[in-house]
C-alpha atoms as a PDB file:
ATOM      1  CA  MET A   1     101.472 134.049 113.232  1.00  0.00           C
ATOM      2  CA  ALA A   2      99.754 135.474 110.049  1.00  0.00           C
ATOM      3  CA  TYR A   3     103.037 137.165 109.259  1.00  0.00           C
ATOM      4  CA  ASN A   4     105.398 133.916 108.989  1.00  0.00           C
ATOM      5  CA  VAL A   5     102.157 132.389 107.256  1.00  0.00           C
ATOM      6  CA  ALA A   6     102.245 135.312 104.798  1.00  0.00           C
ATOM      7  CA  LEU A   7     105.775 135.798 104.327  1.00  0.00           C
ATOM      8  CA  HIS A   8     106.946 132.136 103.971  1.00  0.00           C
ATOM      9  CA  HIS A   9     104.342 129.643 102.589  1.00  0.00           C
ATOM     10  CA  HIS A  10     106.398 130.013  99.327  1.00  0.00           C
ATOM     11  CA  GLU A  11     109.698 128.568 100.982  1.00  0.00           C
ATOM     12  CA  LYS A  12     110.445 124.707  99.969  1.00  0.00           C
ATOM     13  CA  TRP A  13     111.892 121.958 101.926  1.00  0.00           C
ATOM     14  CA  ASN A  14     114.997 122.373 100.224  1.00  0.00           C
ATOM     15  CA  GLY A  15     116.110 125.653 100.367  1.00  0.00           C
ATOM     16  CA  LYS A  16     115.224 126.656  96.709  1.00  0.00           C
ATOM     17  CA  GLY A  17     111.679 128.856  97.942  1.00  0.00           C
ATOM     18  CA  TYR A  18     111.407 132.888  98.409  1.00  0.00           C
ATOM     19  CA  PRO A  19     111.497 134.783  99.425  1.00  0.00           C
ATOM     20  CA  SER A  20     114.628 133.829 102.366  1.00  0.00           C
ATOM     21  CA  GLY A  21     115.895 130.321 101.025  1.00  0.00           C
ATOM     22  CA  LEU A  22     114.647 128.698 104.367  1.00  0.00           C
ATOM     23  CA  LYS A  23     115.702 124.910 104.550  1.00  0.00           C
ATOM     24  CA  GLY A  24     113.565 122.410 105.967  1.00  0.00           C
ATOM     25  CA  GLU A  25     112.584 123.107 109.866  1.00  0.00           C
ATOM     26  CA  GLY A  26     113.762 126.398 108.952  1.00  0.00           C
ATOM     27  CA  ILE A  27     110.493 127.474 107.660  1.00  0.00           C
ATOM     28  CA  PRO A  28     107.636 128.203 110.833  1.00  0.00           C
ATOM     29  CA  LEU A  29     105.756 124.996 110.964  1.00  0.00           C
ATOM     30  CA  CYS A  30     102.592 127.251 109.900  1.00  0.00           C
ATOM     31  CA  ALA A  31     104.351 128.271 106.716  1.00  0.00           C
ATOM     32  CA  ARG A  32     104.854 124.635 105.790  1.00  0.00           C
ATOM     33  CA  ILE A  33     101.435 123.684 106.657  1.00  0.00           C
ATOM     34  CA  MET A  34     100.104 126.390 104.356  1.00  0.00           C
ATOM     35  CA  ALA A  35     102.696 125.558 101.586  1.00  0.00           C
ATOM     36  CA  ILE A  36     100.540 122.801 101.105  1.00  0.00           C
ATOM     37  CA  ALA A  37      97.216 123.625 101.386  1.00  0.00           C
ATOM     38  CA  ASP A  38      97.994 127.073  99.220  1.00  0.00           C
ATOM     39  CA  VAL A  39      99.230 124.175  96.561  1.00  0.00           C
ATOM     40  CA  PHE A  40      95.745 122.334  97.012  1.00  0.00           C
ATOM     41  CA  ASP A  41      93.800 124.582  96.675  1.00  0.00           C
ATOM     42  CA  ALA A  42      95.755 126.495  94.143  1.00  0.00           C
ATOM     43  CA  VAL A  43      95.254 123.093  91.917  1.00  0.00           C
ATOM     44  CA  SER A  44      91.971 122.238  93.259  1.00  0.00           C
ATOM     45  CA  GLU A  45      89.588 124.805  92.296  1.00  0.00           C
ATOM     46  CA  THR A  46      88.850 126.874  88.977  1.00  0.00           C
ATOM     47  CA  ARG A  47      91.130 129.977  88.506  1.00  0.00           C
ATOM     48  CA  CYS A  48      89.994 132.649  85.353  1.00  0.00           C
ATOM     49  CA  TYR A  49      93.029 131.630  83.626  1.00  0.00           C
ATOM     50  CA  ARG A  50      92.189 127.502  83.725  1.00  0.00           C
ATOM     51  CA  ALA A  51      89.942 124.677  84.810  1.00  0.00           C
ATOM     52  CA  ALA A  52      90.254 122.849  88.590  1.00  0.00           C
ATOM     53  CA  MET A  53      92.581 119.677  87.605  1.00  0.00           C
ATOM     54  CA  PRO A  54      91.411 116.201  87.957  1.00  0.00           C
ATOM     55  CA  MET A  55      91.466 115.228  92.266  1.00  0.00           C
ATOM     56  CA  GLU A  56      94.545 112.509  91.375  1.00  0.00           C
ATOM     57  CA  GLN A  57      96.628 114.436  89.498  1.00  0.00           C
ATOM     58  CA  CYS A  58      96.050 117.242  92.712  1.00  0.00           C
ATOM     59  CA  PHE A  59      97.243 114.765  95.337  1.00  0.00           C
ATOM     60  CA  ASP A  60      99.906 113.533  92.909  1.00  0.00           C
ATOM     61  CA  ILE A  61     101.324 117.151  92.953  1.00  0.00           C
ATOM     62  CA  ILE A  62     101.867 116.478  96.578  1.00  0.00           C
ATOM     63  CA  ARG A  63     102.908 113.747  96.148  1.00  0.00           C
ATOM     64  CA  GLN A  64     105.841 114.759  94.094  1.00  0.00           C
ATOM     65  CA  GLY A  65     106.982 117.152  96.385  1.00  0.00           C
ATOM     66  CA  THR A  66     107.348 115.644  99.388  1.00  0.00           C
ATOM     67  CA  GLY A  67     110.748 115.613 100.435  1.00  0.00           C
ATOM     68  CA  GLN A  68     111.264 118.597  97.788  1.00  0.00           C
ATOM     69  CA  ASP A  69     108.564 121.564  98.161  1.00  0.00           C
ATOM     70  CA  PHE A  70     107.206 119.973 101.294  1.00  0.00           C
ATOM     71  CA  ASP A  71     107.822 118.930 104.667  1.00  0.00           C
ATOM     72  CA  PRO A  72     107.596 115.567 103.871  1.00  0.00           C
ATOM     73  CA  LEU A  73     105.509 114.133 107.550  1.00  0.00           C
ATOM     74  CA  LEU A  74     103.246 116.635 106.572  1.00  0.00           C
ATOM     75  CA  ALA A  75     103.040 116.079 103.173  1.00  0.00           C
ATOM     76  CA  GLN A  76     102.294 112.256 104.444  1.00  0.00           C
ATOM     77  CA  VAL A  77      99.578 113.582 106.899  1.00  0.00           C
ATOM     78  CA  PHE A  78      98.082 115.015 103.745  1.00  0.00           C
ATOM     79  CA  LEU A  79      98.087 112.242 101.735  1.00  0.00           C
ATOM     80  CA  ASP A  80      97.015 109.689 104.340  1.00  0.00           C
ATOM     81  CA  ILE A  81      93.248 111.869 105.269  1.00  0.00           C
ATOM     82  CA  ARG A  82      93.007 112.402 101.664  1.00  0.00           C
ATOM     83  CA  PRO A  83      88.906 110.853 101.892  1.00  0.00           C
ATOM     84  CA  GLN A  84      88.651 113.626 104.534  1.00  0.00           C
ATOM     85  CA  VAL A  85      89.889 116.398 102.684  1.00  0.00           C
ATOM     86  CA  GLU A  86      87.927 115.243  99.560  1.00  0.00           C
ATOM     87  CA  SER A  87      85.155 114.966 101.070  1.00  0.00           C
ATOM     88  CA  ILE A  88      85.193 119.016 102.710  1.00  0.00           C
ATOM     89  CA  HIS A  89      86.465 119.931  99.253  1.00  0.00           C
ATOM     90  CA  ALA A  90      83.393 117.910  97.777  1.00  0.00           C
ATOM     91  CA  GLN A  91      81.423 119.870 100.335  1.00  0.00           C
ATOM     92  CA  VAL A  92      82.129 123.739  99.505  1.00  0.00           C
ATOM     93  CA  GLN A  93      81.762 122.848  95.678  1.00  0.00           C
END
């Protein structure tokens, strides 16, 4: 599973990701889940080169990528649990 996550979490639902150009359900489930988590983490946390984005913008990025970058079902589940995600995010700050 770790291999699939590491190798394929930059694949896109529409097939325009990398490294293999996998598409849709051809992307391992664990990598599709990690793709959402990775993008959310990348935009919601401060990096050495920029500040964290506001929560609304972080969720908008996931929403806008639904069906293109991200598995639409998994993205909707993530958006549906927004209160829990925000609660956990606030606890680790």
